[in-house]
């Protein structure tokens, strides 16, 4: 994978995590995760190459750092 593609993918995942933070403020991770998983698997253009299982930990850690 080239550097541009890697950075683009990282930006996409980070944007998704930020979107969740803005959409679901004040909710606990266990309330958000099922919705996040569904949104990622249904809508993300990266869902084929980066399934939820690959991005979950990053999104989760971002959630707790927010």
C-alpha atoms as a PDB file:
ATOM      1  CA  UNK A   1       0.000   0.000   0.000  1.00  0.00           C
ATOM      2  CA  UNK A   2       1.397   3.371  -0.892  1.00  0.00           C
ATOM      3  CA  UNK A   3       1.703   6.254   1.531  1.00  0.00           C
ATOM      4  CA  UNK A   4      -1.041   8.349  -0.054  1.00  0.00           C
ATOM      5  CA  UNK A   5      -3.536   5.512   0.139  1.00  0.00           C
ATOM      6  CA  UNK A   6      -2.611   4.812   3.755  1.00  0.00           C
ATOM      7  CA  UNK A   7      -3.027   8.467   4.722  1.00  0.00           C
ATOM      8  CA  UNK A   8      -6.308   8.670   2.843  1.00  0.00           C
ATOM      9  CA  UNK A   9      -7.629   5.589   4.642  1.00  0.00           C
ATOM     10  CA  UNK A  10      -6.486   6.932   8.017  1.00  0.00           C
ATOM     11  CA  UNK A  11      -8.219  10.233   7.297  1.00  0.00           C
ATOM     12  CA  UNK A  12     -11.439   8.415   6.384  1.00  0.00           C
ATOM     13  CA  UNK A  13     -11.433   6.421   9.634  1.00  0.00           C
ATOM     14  CA  UNK A  14     -10.609   9.524  11.700  1.00  0.00           C
ATOM     15  CA  UNK A  15     -13.403  11.456   9.990  1.00  0.00           C
ATOM     16  CA  UNK A  16     -15.834   8.658  10.794  1.00  0.00           C
ATOM     17  CA  UNK A  17     -14.734   8.681  14.448  1.00  0.00           C
ATOM     18  CA  UNK A  18     -15.182  12.466  14.650  1.00  0.00           C
ATOM     19  CA  UNK A  19     -18.613  12.185  13.033  1.00  0.00           C
ATOM     20  CA  UNK A  20     -19.656   9.708  15.736  1.00  0.00           C
ATOM     21  CA  UNK A  21     -18.446  12.040  18.468  1.00  0.00           C
ATOM     22  CA  UNK A  22     -20.513  14.877  17.027  1.00  0.00           C
ATOM     23  CA  UNK A  23     -23.561  12.702  16.405  1.00  0.00           C
ATOM     24  CA  UNK A  24     -23.699  10.915  19.762  1.00  0.00           C
ATOM     25  CA  UNK A  25     -22.335  13.219  22.465  1.00  0.00           C
ATOM     26  CA  UNK A  26     -22.821  11.997  25.990  1.00  0.00           C
ATOM     27  CA  UNK A  27     -23.542   8.395  25.040  1.00  0.00           C
ATOM     28  CA  UNK A  28     -21.466   5.515  26.327  1.00  0.00           C
ATOM     29  CA  UNK A  29     -19.358   3.445  23.943  1.00  0.00           C
ATOM     30  CA  UNK A  30     -21.491   0.345  24.456  1.00  0.00           C
ATOM     31  CA  UNK A  31     -24.514   2.366  23.288  1.00  0.00           C
ATOM     32  CA  UNK A  32     -22.703   3.773  20.272  1.00  0.00           C
ATOM     33  CA  UNK A  33     -20.791   0.738  19.032  1.00  0.00           C
ATOM     34  CA  UNK A  34     -23.726  -1.195  17.506  1.00  0.00           C
ATOM     35  CA  UNK A  35     -24.768   1.885  15.533  1.00  0.00           C
ATOM     36  CA  UNK A  36     -21.192   2.634  14.551  1.00  0.00           C
ATOM     37  CA  UNK A  37     -20.669  -0.929  13.332  1.00  0.00           C
ATOM     38  CA  UNK A  38     -23.850  -0.792  11.287  1.00  0.00           C
ATOM     39  CA  UNK A  39     -22.998   2.593   9.786  1.00  0.00           C
ATOM     40  CA  UNK A  40     -19.477   1.500   8.880  1.00  0.00           C
ATOM     41  CA  UNK A  41     -20.519  -1.794   7.313  1.00  0.00           C
ATOM     42  CA  UNK A  42     -23.378  -0.233   5.343  1.00  0.00           C
ATOM     43  CA  UNK A  43     -21.972   3.145   4.313  1.00  0.00           C
ATOM     44  CA  UNK A  44     -18.205   3.360   4.412  1.00  0.00           C
ATOM     45  CA  UNK A  45     -16.465   3.249   1.045  1.00  0.00           C
ATOM     46  CA  UNK A  46     -13.644   1.402   2.841  1.00  0.00           C
ATOM     47  CA  UNK A  47     -15.842  -1.371   4.241  1.00  0.00           C
ATOM     48  CA  UNK A  48     -14.519  -3.945   1.775  1.00  0.00           C
ATOM     49  CA  UNK A  49     -10.823  -3.322   2.429  1.00  0.00           C
ATOM     50  CA  UNK A  50     -11.129  -2.304   6.076  1.00  0.00           C
ATOM     51  CA  UNK A  51     -13.933  -4.198   7.763  1.00  0.00           C
ATOM     52  CA  UNK A  52     -15.270  -3.010  11.107  1.00  0.00           C
ATOM     53  CA  UNK A  53     -13.047  -5.462  12.976  1.00  0.00           C
ATOM     54  CA  UNK A  54      -9.992  -3.632  11.614  1.00  0.00           C
ATOM     55  CA  UNK A  55     -11.101  -0.105  12.534  1.00  0.00           C
ATOM     56  CA  UNK A  56     -13.075  -0.782  15.717  1.00  0.00           C
ATOM     57  CA  UNK A  57     -10.185  -0.343  18.157  1.00  0.00           C
ATOM     58  CA  UNK A  58      -9.117   2.972  16.635  1.00  0.00           C
ATOM     59  CA  UNK A  59     -12.674   4.322  16.688  1.00  0.00           C
ATOM     60  CA  UNK A  60     -13.149   3.069  20.253  1.00  0.00           C
ATOM     61  CA  UNK A  61      -9.928   4.663  21.533  1.00  0.00           C
ATOM     62  CA  UNK A  62     -10.831   7.913  19.818  1.00  0.00           C
ATOM     63  CA  UNK A  63     -14.208   7.763  21.549  1.00  0.00           C
ATOM     64  CA  UNK A  64     -12.605   7.518  24.981  1.00  0.00           C
ATOM     65  CA  UNK A  65     -10.110  10.297  24.261  1.00  0.00           C
ATOM     66  CA  UNK A  66     -12.861  12.708  23.261  1.00  0.00           C
END
